N, C-alpha and C. Protein backbone atom coordinates (compact mmCIF):
# COMPACT_ATOMS: atom_id res chain seq x y z
N MET A 1 100.85 68.52 109.51
CA MET A 1 99.60 69.61 109.90
C MET A 1 99.85 70.84 108.82
N LYS A 2 99.06 71.09 107.39
CA LYS A 2 99.36 71.88 106.43
C LYS A 2 99.23 73.41 107.31
N LEU A 3 100.17 73.95 106.48
CA LEU A 3 100.54 75.20 107.16
C LEU A 3 99.55 76.00 106.23
N LEU A 4 98.48 77.30 106.49
CA LEU A 4 97.93 77.96 106.09
C LEU A 4 98.50 79.28 105.39
N TYR A 5 98.75 80.03 103.92
CA TYR A 5 99.41 80.55 103.38
C TYR A 5 98.49 82.41 103.70
N HIS A 6 99.56 82.89 104.17
CA HIS A 6 99.07 84.31 104.56
C HIS A 6 100.14 85.17 103.77
N PRO A 7 99.73 86.16 102.73
CA PRO A 7 100.63 86.95 102.18
C PRO A 7 101.37 88.06 103.09
N ASP A 8 102.55 88.42 103.12
CA ASP A 8 103.07 89.63 103.89
C ASP A 8 102.05 90.78 103.54
N SER A 9 102.32 91.60 104.52
CA SER A 9 101.57 92.98 104.57
C SER A 9 101.84 93.51 102.88
N ALA A 10 103.21 93.65 102.67
CA ALA A 10 103.56 94.18 101.53
C ALA A 10 103.26 93.70 99.94
N GLN A 11 102.88 91.99 99.95
CA GLN A 11 102.47 91.45 99.03
C GLN A 11 100.87 91.71 98.82
N ILE A 12 100.41 92.47 99.53
CA ILE A 12 98.54 92.34 99.11
C ILE A 12 98.52 93.57 98.45
N SER A 13 97.60 92.83 97.21
CA SER A 13 97.64 93.82 96.02
C SER A 13 96.53 94.11 95.99
N LEU A 14 96.08 95.37 95.30
CA LEU A 14 94.58 95.96 95.10
C LEU A 14 93.95 95.36 94.63
N ALA A 15 94.67 94.65 93.46
CA ALA A 15 93.72 93.63 92.50
C ALA A 15 93.29 92.29 93.05
N GLY A 16 93.97 91.84 93.91
CA GLY A 16 93.73 90.70 94.78
C GLY A 16 92.28 90.84 95.71
N VAL A 17 92.90 91.99 96.35
CA VAL A 17 91.53 92.50 97.35
C VAL A 17 90.50 92.61 96.51
N LEU A 18 90.46 93.63 95.69
CA LEU A 18 89.16 93.70 95.07
C LEU A 18 88.34 92.46 94.24
N TYR A 19 89.45 91.51 93.82
CA TYR A 19 88.71 90.19 93.13
C TYR A 19 88.28 89.64 94.64
N ALA A 20 88.80 89.64 95.42
CA ALA A 20 88.26 88.98 96.74
C ALA A 20 86.96 89.42 97.28
N LEU A 21 86.98 90.95 97.11
CA LEU A 21 85.64 91.32 97.51
C LEU A 21 84.62 91.44 96.70
N GLY A 22 84.78 91.09 95.66
CA GLY A 22 83.69 90.85 94.34
C GLY A 22 82.72 89.77 94.38
N ASP A 23 82.90 89.22 95.61
CA ASP A 23 81.70 87.88 95.92
C ASP A 23 80.58 87.80 96.83
N PRO A 24 79.70 87.89 96.76
CA PRO A 24 78.58 88.16 97.89
C PRO A 24 78.83 87.61 98.98
N VAL A 25 78.88 86.43 98.88
CA VAL A 25 79.38 85.64 99.92
C VAL A 25 80.66 86.29 100.89
N ARG A 26 81.92 86.27 100.17
CA ARG A 26 82.94 86.84 100.81
C ARG A 26 82.77 88.24 101.23
N LEU A 27 81.82 89.31 100.76
CA LEU A 27 81.72 90.24 101.64
C LEU A 27 80.93 89.98 102.75
N GLU A 28 79.90 89.25 103.17
CA GLU A 28 79.51 88.92 104.11
C GLU A 28 80.01 88.43 105.18
N VAL A 29 80.88 87.52 104.46
CA VAL A 29 82.08 87.16 105.68
C VAL A 29 82.67 88.27 106.15
N VAL A 30 83.27 89.13 105.29
CA VAL A 30 84.01 90.25 105.89
C VAL A 30 83.18 91.55 106.66
N ARG A 31 81.82 91.52 106.48
CA ARG A 31 81.11 92.12 106.91
C ARG A 31 80.63 91.54 108.55
N ARG A 32 80.83 90.24 108.52
CA ARG A 32 80.31 89.61 109.94
C ARG A 32 81.71 89.74 110.68
N LEU A 33 82.64 89.58 110.12
CA LEU A 33 83.88 89.55 111.05
C LEU A 33 84.34 90.93 111.40
N ALA A 34 83.94 92.13 110.37
CA ALA A 34 83.79 93.22 110.85
C ALA A 34 83.07 93.55 112.09
N VAL A 35 82.02 93.30 111.95
CA VAL A 35 80.75 93.52 112.97
C VAL A 35 81.26 92.67 114.16
N GLU A 36 81.24 91.25 114.49
CA GLU A 36 81.25 90.45 115.28
C GLU A 36 82.68 90.25 115.92
N GLY A 37 83.90 90.51 115.13
CA GLY A 37 84.96 90.00 115.50
C GLY A 37 85.34 88.64 114.98
N GLU A 38 86.58 88.04 115.98
CA GLU A 38 87.40 86.83 115.57
C GLU A 38 85.91 86.00 115.31
N LEU A 39 86.00 84.90 114.41
CA LEU A 39 84.84 83.88 113.92
C LEU A 39 85.30 82.61 113.76
N THR A 40 84.62 81.67 114.23
CA THR A 40 85.25 80.47 113.59
C THR A 40 84.57 80.06 112.09
N CYS A 41 85.00 79.31 111.30
CA CYS A 41 84.53 78.92 110.09
C CYS A 41 83.39 78.37 109.95
N ALA A 42 83.19 77.67 111.27
CA ALA A 42 81.60 77.06 111.57
C ALA A 42 80.89 78.10 111.76
N ALA A 43 81.03 79.15 112.51
CA ALA A 43 80.10 80.55 113.01
C ALA A 43 79.76 80.96 111.68
N LEU A 44 80.53 80.89 110.64
CA LEU A 44 80.49 81.70 109.53
C LEU A 44 79.79 81.24 108.32
N ASP A 45 79.35 79.90 108.77
CA ASP A 45 78.60 78.68 107.98
C ASP A 45 77.55 79.28 107.06
N CYS A 46 77.53 79.68 105.53
CA CYS A 46 76.31 80.45 105.26
C CYS A 46 75.47 79.65 104.35
N ALA A 47 75.18 78.16 105.18
CA ALA A 47 74.34 77.24 104.44
C ALA A 47 74.67 77.08 102.67
N ILE A 48 76.23 76.85 102.88
CA ILE A 48 76.54 76.38 101.37
C ILE A 48 77.42 75.40 101.91
N ALA A 49 77.88 74.74 101.04
CA ALA A 49 78.61 73.65 100.71
C ALA A 49 80.16 74.18 101.39
N LYS A 50 80.31 72.81 102.57
CA LYS A 50 81.54 73.30 103.14
C LYS A 50 83.09 73.30 102.18
N SER A 51 82.57 72.81 101.28
CA SER A 51 84.02 72.95 100.36
C SER A 51 83.84 73.97 99.40
N THR A 52 82.88 74.81 99.23
CA THR A 52 82.45 75.89 98.49
C THR A 52 83.00 76.99 99.96
N MET A 53 82.77 77.02 100.82
CA MET A 53 82.84 78.28 101.94
C MET A 53 84.75 77.61 102.05
N SER A 54 85.02 76.66 102.28
CA SER A 54 86.47 76.70 102.22
C SER A 54 87.28 77.38 101.29
N HIS A 55 86.71 77.23 100.01
CA HIS A 55 87.46 77.99 98.79
C HIS A 55 87.32 79.38 99.53
N HIS A 56 86.19 79.95 99.66
CA HIS A 56 85.88 81.63 99.81
C HIS A 56 87.02 81.85 101.06
N PHE A 57 87.14 81.09 101.85
CA PHE A 57 87.86 81.68 103.17
C PHE A 57 89.43 81.40 102.38
N LYS A 58 89.63 80.56 101.65
CA LYS A 58 91.14 80.72 100.92
C LYS A 58 91.45 81.66 100.28
N ILE A 59 90.04 82.27 99.38
CA ILE A 59 90.58 83.20 98.61
C ILE A 59 90.43 84.78 99.39
N LEU A 60 89.95 84.50 100.41
CA LEU A 60 89.71 85.82 101.72
C LEU A 60 91.23 85.85 102.08
N ARG A 61 91.94 84.71 102.53
CA ARG A 61 92.79 84.42 103.31
C ARG A 61 94.43 84.90 102.17
N GLU A 62 94.30 84.19 101.14
CA GLU A 62 95.38 84.41 100.32
C GLU A 62 95.50 85.86 99.66
N SER A 63 94.59 86.70 99.57
CA SER A 63 94.30 88.28 99.08
C SER A 63 94.86 89.17 100.25
N GLY A 64 94.74 88.23 101.18
CA GLY A 64 95.20 89.21 102.50
C GLY A 64 94.19 90.10 103.40
N ILE A 65 93.23 89.61 103.22
CA ILE A 65 91.91 90.17 103.89
C ILE A 65 91.68 89.75 105.10
N ILE A 66 91.88 87.98 105.25
CA ILE A 66 91.52 87.74 106.46
C ILE A 66 92.56 87.27 107.00
N TYR A 67 93.15 86.80 108.25
CA TYR A 67 93.70 85.87 108.98
C TYR A 67 93.27 84.77 109.49
N THR A 68 93.66 83.53 109.27
CA THR A 68 93.19 82.45 109.67
C THR A 68 94.39 81.50 110.77
N ARG A 69 93.83 81.71 111.97
CA ARG A 69 94.67 80.13 112.78
C ARG A 69 94.22 79.32 113.36
N LYS A 70 94.70 78.48 113.69
CA LYS A 70 94.29 76.98 114.08
C LYS A 70 94.42 76.77 115.43
N GLU A 71 93.09 76.70 116.03
CA GLU A 71 93.04 76.34 117.67
C GLU A 71 92.32 75.10 117.49
N GLY A 72 93.37 73.58 118.02
CA GLY A 72 92.50 72.61 118.20
C GLY A 72 92.36 72.37 116.89
N THR A 73 90.80 71.97 116.35
CA THR A 73 90.44 71.58 115.52
C THR A 73 89.36 72.72 114.68
N GLN A 74 89.62 73.76 115.16
CA GLN A 74 89.14 74.95 115.06
C GLN A 74 89.72 75.80 114.08
N HIS A 75 89.00 76.62 112.97
CA HIS A 75 89.92 77.40 112.30
C HIS A 75 89.25 78.78 112.64
N ILE A 76 90.27 80.17 113.18
CA ILE A 76 89.76 81.23 113.71
C ILE A 76 89.99 82.43 112.87
N ASN A 77 88.85 82.93 112.31
CA ASN A 77 89.38 84.21 111.39
C ASN A 77 89.16 85.34 112.04
N SER A 78 90.05 86.29 111.43
CA SER A 78 89.94 87.87 111.81
C SER A 78 90.45 88.55 110.22
N LEU A 79 89.57 89.97 110.84
CA LEU A 79 90.24 90.77 109.53
C LEU A 79 91.53 91.45 109.96
N ARG A 80 92.39 91.46 108.82
CA ARG A 80 93.48 91.88 108.86
C ARG A 80 93.56 93.38 108.41
N ARG A 81 92.87 94.22 109.33
CA ARG A 81 92.43 95.89 109.38
C ARG A 81 93.69 96.41 109.38
N GLU A 82 94.77 96.44 109.86
CA GLU A 82 96.00 96.91 110.18
C GLU A 82 96.55 96.96 108.88
N ASP A 83 96.87 95.92 108.34
CA ASP A 83 97.42 95.64 106.98
C ASP A 83 96.93 96.43 105.67
N LEU A 84 95.50 96.12 105.88
CA LEU A 84 94.68 96.75 104.63
C LEU A 84 94.70 98.33 104.94
N GLU A 85 94.90 98.64 105.97
CA GLU A 85 94.85 100.05 105.86
C GLU A 85 96.28 100.83 105.65
N ALA A 86 97.08 99.81 105.97
CA ALA A 86 98.58 100.28 105.54
C ALA A 86 98.54 100.44 104.20
N GLN A 87 98.16 99.42 103.49
CA GLN A 87 98.17 99.60 101.87
C GLN A 87 97.32 100.52 101.41
N PHE A 88 95.79 100.00 101.79
CA PHE A 88 94.85 100.92 101.01
C PHE A 88 94.14 101.59 101.87
N PRO A 89 94.70 102.95 102.20
CA PRO A 89 93.90 103.69 103.62
C PRO A 89 92.56 103.97 103.15
N GLY A 90 91.62 103.53 104.15
CA GLY A 90 89.97 104.13 104.10
C GLY A 90 88.97 103.15 102.96
N LEU A 91 89.63 101.89 102.41
CA LEU A 91 89.20 101.32 101.60
C LEU A 91 88.13 100.12 102.48
N LEU A 92 88.90 99.39 103.54
CA LEU A 92 88.03 98.51 104.04
C LEU A 92 86.58 99.50 104.53
N ASP A 93 86.89 100.46 105.42
CA ASP A 93 85.98 101.43 105.71
C ASP A 93 84.32 101.81 104.42
N ILE A 94 85.28 101.79 103.45
CA ILE A 94 84.40 102.21 102.46
C ILE A 94 83.43 101.22 102.09
N VAL A 95 84.01 99.91 101.82
CA VAL A 95 83.18 98.85 101.76
C VAL A 95 82.18 98.49 102.73
N LEU A 96 82.76 98.35 103.99
CA LEU A 96 81.88 98.36 105.13
C LEU A 96 80.39 99.30 104.91
N GLU A 97 80.84 100.36 104.73
CA GLU A 97 80.05 101.71 104.92
C GLU A 97 79.01 101.30 103.99
N ALA A 98 79.47 100.98 102.54
CA ALA A 98 78.09 100.62 101.59
C ALA A 98 77.59 99.40 101.88
N LEU A 99 78.22 98.42 102.48
CA LEU A 99 77.06 97.22 102.69
C LEU A 99 76.19 97.60 103.71
N LYS A 100 76.41 98.40 104.68
CA LYS A 100 75.13 99.08 105.31
C LYS A 100 73.89 99.59 104.58
N LYS A 101 74.17 100.17 103.38
CA LYS A 101 73.25 100.85 102.74
C LYS A 101 72.83 99.82 101.71
N GLU A 102 73.53 98.89 101.41
CA GLU A 102 72.91 97.56 100.58
C GLU A 102 73.75 96.45 100.39
N PRO A 103 73.23 95.61 101.51
CA PRO A 103 73.55 94.28 101.74
C PRO A 103 73.24 93.72 100.48
N VAL A 104 74.30 92.67 100.11
CA VAL A 104 74.55 91.75 99.00
C VAL A 104 74.08 90.51 99.24
N PHE A 105 74.14 90.03 100.26
CA PHE A 105 74.01 88.31 100.67
C PHE A 105 73.80 88.34 102.08
N SER A 106 72.78 87.70 102.32
CA SER A 106 72.47 87.27 103.98
C SER A 106 72.82 85.92 104.36
N CYS A 107 73.83 85.24 105.16
CA CYS A 107 73.75 83.89 105.26
C CYS A 107 72.72 83.29 106.05
N HIS A 108 71.74 83.93 106.79
CA HIS A 108 70.82 83.70 107.41
C HIS A 108 69.69 84.58 107.19
N PRO A 109 68.55 84.44 106.27
CA PRO A 109 67.72 85.13 105.72
C PRO A 109 66.45 85.23 107.04
N GLU A 110 65.96 86.17 107.08
CA GLU A 110 64.96 86.51 107.90
C GLU A 110 63.70 85.83 107.09
């Protein structure tokens, strides 16, 4: 079984986090995890090719924004709030507040 890479808290860089948050799909994943808590990759499906969503999860995971654990055949994702807050106090809250005012992407348009 292939192990998923997660950077240590001290390895999370501002450039990596900002890069990861620079994509509307990844922002929507972060927003949903913040609102709904832990979610599987399938629950975060955005009607995009599975390989593309896998790429987005990898970017978020390797930048230190999310933690992914394997449970059976499922991958369960959660935000690394404490690690992000320790490295960049208030950044995640600012991003999430901005998304309330101006959503950039919807996985499930009404």
